[in-house]
């Protein structure tokens, strides 16, 4: 299993790029999972539903299952936010895990940069950034691809992806 990140400012197009890459990878016969970091409080449950009521009552975990999917919700209840290695260990084995966010973790990342976002590039200050997907010309030695060139972006992600064990070791070294 390999892992690669997409990093960039809000509005740069990380989610848009990823939702275009996933079908491309799938068509190539690859199984892909995603870990998405949220900077704000979020809920995947619907207020008033039984699972929501179980969590509100104080359950540490609630697992909901049907014939179409299952979801495990784990309440932190004041515990520290889990780091990327812990989250990676919870996934089933796939060919590629794409991490959206977690830009402070040391795994390899492709920066997603949109000129119209009017934000500075991350790559000069983040040694984990090994390539850039952008809609503008950037002067750098890093490999760059256009945001709309899905085939080139997919190739860049696959070339840059690192074994999960290596990403975990790099993260653990920072502790």
Protein backbone atom coordinates (compact mmCIF):
# COMPACT_ATOMS: atom_id res chain seq x y z
CA UNK A 1 0.00 0.00 0.00
CA UNK A 2 1.33 3.42 -0.95
CA UNK A 3 0.42 6.90 0.24
CA UNK A 4 0.65 10.37 -1.30
CA UNK A 5 -0.76 13.66 -0.09
CA UNK A 6 -2.43 16.62 -1.72
CA UNK A 7 -1.63 19.85 0.08
CA UNK A 8 -2.64 23.41 -0.60
CA UNK A 9 -4.65 26.34 0.62
CA UNK A 10 -8.41 26.19 0.84
CA UNK A 11 -9.91 26.91 -2.59
CA UNK A 12 -6.88 25.64 -4.52
CA UNK A 13 -8.79 22.70 -5.98
CA UNK A 14 -7.57 19.71 -3.99
CA UNK A 15 -10.99 18.07 -3.78
CA UNK A 16 -11.83 18.85 -7.41
CA UNK A 17 -8.56 17.33 -8.58
CA UNK A 18 -9.00 14.27 -6.39
CA UNK A 19 -12.56 13.63 -7.57
CA UNK A 20 -11.22 13.65 -11.13
CA UNK A 21 -8.23 11.42 -10.29
CA UNK A 22 -10.17 8.68 -8.48
CA UNK A 23 -12.16 7.54 -11.56
CA UNK A 24 -8.96 7.66 -13.62
CA UNK A 25 -7.13 5.43 -11.11
CA UNK A 26 -10.15 3.13 -10.91
CA UNK A 27 -10.15 2.76 -14.71
CA UNK A 28 -6.48 1.72 -14.44
CA UNK A 29 -7.53 -1.09 -12.07
CA UNK A 30 -6.26 0.59 -8.90
CA UNK A 31 -8.09 0.58 -5.58
CA UNK A 32 -7.91 4.01 -3.94
CA UNK A 33 -8.84 5.20 -0.46
CA UNK A 34 -8.88 8.78 0.82
CA UNK A 35 -8.11 10.30 4.20
CA UNK A 36 -9.47 13.84 4.44
CA UNK A 37 -8.50 16.25 7.20
CA UNK A 38 -11.14 18.69 8.37
CA UNK A 39 -10.06 21.88 10.13
CA UNK A 40 -13.44 22.41 11.68
CA UNK A 41 -16.05 20.45 13.53
CA UNK A 42 -17.92 18.12 11.20
CA UNK A 43 -20.58 15.47 11.50
CA UNK A 44 -21.29 12.54 9.22
CA UNK A 45 -24.43 11.67 11.12
CA UNK A 46 -27.92 13.13 10.95
CA UNK A 47 -29.29 14.73 14.12
CA UNK A 48 -32.23 12.79 15.45
CA UNK A 49 -31.29 9.45 13.83
CA UNK A 50 -30.63 6.48 16.14
CA UNK A 51 -26.85 6.51 15.56
CA UNK A 52 -26.70 10.24 16.34
CA UNK A 53 -28.72 9.66 19.51
CA UNK A 54 -26.32 6.87 20.55
CA UNK A 55 -23.33 9.19 20.17
CA UNK A 56 -25.08 12.03 21.95
CA UNK A 57 -25.85 9.64 24.80
CA UNK A 58 -22.10 9.06 25.23
CA UNK A 59 -21.15 5.99 23.16
CA UNK A 60 -17.43 5.90 22.40
CA UNK A 61 -18.04 4.37 18.99
CA UNK A 62 -21.09 3.75 16.84
CA UNK A 63 -20.91 1.45 13.84
CA UNK A 64 -23.74 1.69 11.32
CA UNK A 65 -24.07 -1.00 8.66
CA UNK A 66 -26.34 -1.73 5.74
CA UNK A 67 -26.20 -3.81 2.57
CA UNK A 68 -24.53 -0.84 0.80
CA UNK A 69 -21.92 0.46 3.28
CA UNK A 70 -20.76 0.64 6.85
CA UNK A 71 -19.38 3.53 8.81
CA UNK A 72 -17.63 3.67 12.16
CA UNK A 73 -17.86 6.91 14.08
CA UNK A 74 -15.39 7.31 16.92
CA UNK A 75 -15.90 10.12 19.39
CA UNK A 76 -12.68 11.67 20.69
CA UNK A 77 -14.40 13.19 23.73
CA UNK A 78 -11.48 15.49 24.46
CA UNK A 79 -8.69 13.09 23.42
CA UNK A 80 -6.01 14.33 21.04
CA UNK A 81 -6.73 14.36 17.32
CA UNK A 82 -5.27 11.18 15.80
CA UNK A 83 -2.15 11.58 13.70
CA UNK A 84 -1.89 10.28 10.17
CA UNK A 85 -0.11 6.96 11.04
CA UNK A 86 -2.96 5.96 13.35
CA UNK A 87 -5.54 6.77 10.68
CA UNK A 88 -3.61 4.88 8.00
CA UNK A 89 -3.63 1.78 10.23
CA UNK A 90 -7.44 1.83 10.25
CA UNK A 91 -7.78 1.47 6.46
CA UNK A 92 -8.18 -1.76 4.53
CA UNK A 93 -5.35 -2.57 2.12
CA UNK A 94 -5.62 -0.75 -1.22
CA UNK A 95 -3.17 0.23 -3.94
CA UNK A 96 -3.07 3.94 -3.12
CA UNK A 97 -4.15 6.15 -0.24
CA UNK A 98 -4.49 9.83 -1.10
CA UNK A 99 -4.33 12.13 1.91
CA UNK A 100 -6.08 15.47 1.49
CA UNK A 101 -4.77 17.86 4.10
CA UNK A 102 -2.48 16.87 6.99
CA UNK A 103 0.06 19.25 5.48
CA UNK A 104 2.11 19.30 8.69
CA UNK A 105 2.79 15.55 8.46
CA UNK A 106 6.07 14.54 6.74
CA UNK A 107 4.66 12.22 4.05
CA UNK A 108 5.28 13.11 0.41
CA UNK A 109 2.81 15.59 -1.00
CA UNK A 110 1.82 17.15 -4.27
CA UNK A 111 0.98 20.82 -3.83
CA UNK A 112 -2.22 21.97 -5.50
CA UNK A 113 -1.89 25.64 -6.39
CA UNK A 114 -4.36 27.88 -8.18
CA UNK A 115 -3.13 31.33 -9.28
CA UNK A 116 -6.54 32.93 -8.75
CA UNK A 117 -6.49 31.89 -5.10
CA UNK A 118 -3.85 34.58 -4.51
CA UNK A 119 -2.04 32.53 -1.85
CA UNK A 120 1.70 31.85 -1.56
CA UNK A 121 3.18 28.52 -2.57
CA UNK A 122 3.83 26.02 0.22
CA UNK A 123 6.71 24.15 -1.41
CA UNK A 124 9.62 26.36 -0.56
CA UNK A 125 8.97 25.74 3.15
CA UNK A 126 7.79 22.12 3.08
CA UNK A 127 10.42 19.51 2.18
CA UNK A 128 7.61 16.93 1.86
CA UNK A 129 6.30 18.60 -1.29
CA UNK A 130 7.72 16.71 -4.26
CA UNK A 131 5.62 18.09 -7.11
CA UNK A 132 3.05 20.73 -8.01
CA UNK A 133 -0.29 20.60 -9.82
CA UNK A 134 -1.16 24.13 -10.89
CA UNK A 135 -2.91 26.30 -13.44
CA UNK A 136 0.03 28.68 -13.88
CA UNK A 137 3.73 28.58 -14.74
CA UNK A 138 5.97 28.19 -11.69
CA UNK A 139 9.72 28.46 -11.66
CA UNK A 140 10.95 25.39 -9.81
CA UNK A 141 12.96 22.22 -10.21
CA UNK A 142 10.03 20.21 -8.88
CA UNK A 143 7.94 18.36 -11.45
CA UNK A 144 4.81 20.33 -12.33
CA UNK A 145 1.62 19.37 -14.12
CA UNK A 146 -1.43 21.35 -15.16
CA UNK A 147 -4.48 20.93 -12.92
CA UNK A 148 -6.56 19.88 -15.94
CA UNK A 149 -4.09 17.25 -17.19
CA UNK A 150 -5.49 14.31 -15.22
CA UNK A 151 -3.26 11.72 -16.90
CA UNK A 152 -0.10 13.68 -16.03
CA UNK A 153 -1.35 14.43 -12.51
CA UNK A 154 -2.12 10.73 -11.94
CA UNK A 155 1.35 9.75 -13.16
CA UNK A 156 2.93 12.33 -10.84
CA UNK A 157 1.00 11.03 -7.82
CA UNK A 158 1.89 7.42 -8.58
CA UNK A 159 5.61 8.24 -9.10
CA UNK A 160 5.77 10.22 -5.86
CA UNK A 161 3.73 7.84 -3.67
CA UNK A 162 5.66 6.23 -0.85
CA UNK A 163 5.09 2.95 0.99
CA UNK A 164 2.83 3.45 4.00
CA UNK A 165 5.48 1.96 6.28
CA UNK A 166 7.96 4.66 5.18
CA UNK A 167 5.40 7.42 5.81
CA UNK A 168 4.66 6.03 9.28
CA UNK A 169 8.39 5.82 10.11
CA UNK A 170 8.94 9.45 9.01
CA UNK A 171 6.00 10.59 11.12
CA UNK A 172 7.13 8.62 14.16
CA UNK A 173 10.61 10.15 13.86
CA UNK A 174 9.05 13.60 14.43
CA UNK A 175 7.49 12.67 17.77
